[in-house]
Protein backbone atom coordinates (compact mmCIF):
# COMPACT_ATOMS: atom_id res chain seq x y z
CA UNK A 1 -49.43 92.68 5.31
CA UNK A 2 -48.01 96.11 4.58
CA UNK A 3 -49.89 99.15 5.89
CA UNK A 4 -49.18 102.86 5.51
CA UNK A 5 -47.93 104.75 8.56
CA UNK A 6 -50.22 107.17 10.39
CA UNK A 7 -53.40 105.82 8.81
CA UNK A 8 -56.68 104.69 10.38
CA UNK A 9 -57.76 101.13 9.60
CA UNK A 10 -60.59 98.76 10.49
CA UNK A 11 -59.94 95.02 10.74
CA UNK A 12 -61.93 91.87 11.38
CA UNK A 13 -61.30 88.15 11.26
CA UNK A 14 -63.37 85.74 9.21
CA UNK A 15 -63.50 82.03 9.83
CA UNK A 16 -65.29 79.05 8.34
CA UNK A 17 -66.64 76.25 10.48
CA UNK A 18 -69.12 73.55 9.45
CA UNK A 19 -69.36 75.14 5.98
CA UNK A 20 -70.50 78.49 7.43
CA UNK A 21 -68.47 81.69 7.36
CA UNK A 22 -68.62 84.09 10.30
CA UNK A 23 -66.91 87.38 11.14
CA UNK A 24 -65.55 88.80 14.38
CA UNK A 25 -66.40 92.27 15.63
CA UNK A 26 -64.47 94.97 13.80
CA UNK A 27 -61.64 96.79 15.58
CA UNK A 28 -60.34 100.24 14.67
CA UNK A 29 -56.71 101.32 14.97
CA UNK A 30 -54.22 103.88 13.70
CA UNK A 31 -50.77 102.80 12.60
CA UNK A 32 -47.75 104.38 14.25
CA UNK A 33 -45.66 107.13 12.75
CA UNK A 34 -47.92 110.15 13.27
CA UNK A 35 -45.46 111.88 15.63
CA UNK A 36 -48.35 113.38 17.59
CA UNK A 37 -49.00 113.31 21.29
CA UNK A 38 -52.75 112.78 21.32
CA UNK A 39 -54.44 110.34 23.69
CA UNK A 40 -56.80 109.30 20.90
CA UNK A 41 -53.81 108.03 18.90
CA UNK A 42 -52.76 105.60 21.64
CA UNK A 43 -53.89 102.00 21.41
CA UNK A 44 -54.10 100.35 24.83
CA UNK A 45 -55.18 96.97 26.10
CA UNK A 46 -55.05 95.21 29.46
CA UNK A 47 -54.43 91.60 30.44
CA UNK A 48 -56.20 90.98 33.77
CA UNK A 49 -54.98 88.53 36.38
CA UNK A 50 -56.54 87.58 39.75
CA UNK A 51 -55.08 90.55 41.67
CA UNK A 52 -53.20 92.56 39.04
CA UNK A 53 -53.14 93.51 35.37
CA UNK A 54 -50.61 94.11 32.66
CA UNK A 55 -51.22 97.09 30.39
CA UNK A 56 -49.73 97.49 26.92
CA UNK A 57 -49.82 100.70 24.88
CA UNK A 58 -48.06 102.59 22.10
CA UNK A 59 -45.19 104.59 23.57
CA UNK A 60 -44.32 108.15 22.61
CA UNK A 61 -40.66 109.05 23.20
CA UNK A 62 -40.15 111.59 26.00
CA UNK A 63 -43.76 111.27 27.23
CA UNK A 64 -44.62 110.83 30.92
CA UNK A 65 -47.21 108.20 31.76
CA UNK A 66 -49.64 107.83 34.68
CA UNK A 67 -52.10 104.93 34.87
CA UNK A 68 -55.51 105.98 36.21
CA UNK A 69 -57.69 103.14 37.43
CA UNK A 70 -60.76 102.52 39.57
CA UNK A 71 -63.09 99.75 40.52
CA UNK A 72 -66.22 99.79 38.35
CA UNK A 73 -68.89 101.90 40.02
CA UNK A 74 -66.49 103.91 42.19
CA UNK A 75 -66.37 107.64 41.40
CA UNK A 76 -62.68 108.43 41.95
CA UNK A 77 -59.67 107.19 40.04
CA UNK A 78 -56.46 106.08 41.74
CA UNK A 79 -53.18 106.87 40.04
CA UNK A 80 -50.02 104.89 39.44
CA UNK A 81 -47.05 106.89 38.17
CA UNK A 82 -44.61 105.11 35.91
């Protein structure tokens, strides 16, 4: 599938089971190539483990990254500098 760079898209998956078609929840994303440094342009997702997580995100060259995290319900974030 060919998409244009620096464009916003919405995607969903359809599937058929027992002669019925269903759709997943839609996800929104922006393709790379915008050459901006805006946090809203970064797509991020986490893969949780028992006592850790792996985070994946779109990387901007020459940017500095700090992960801010907290336990749900706690007011203050902790930081992890990369």
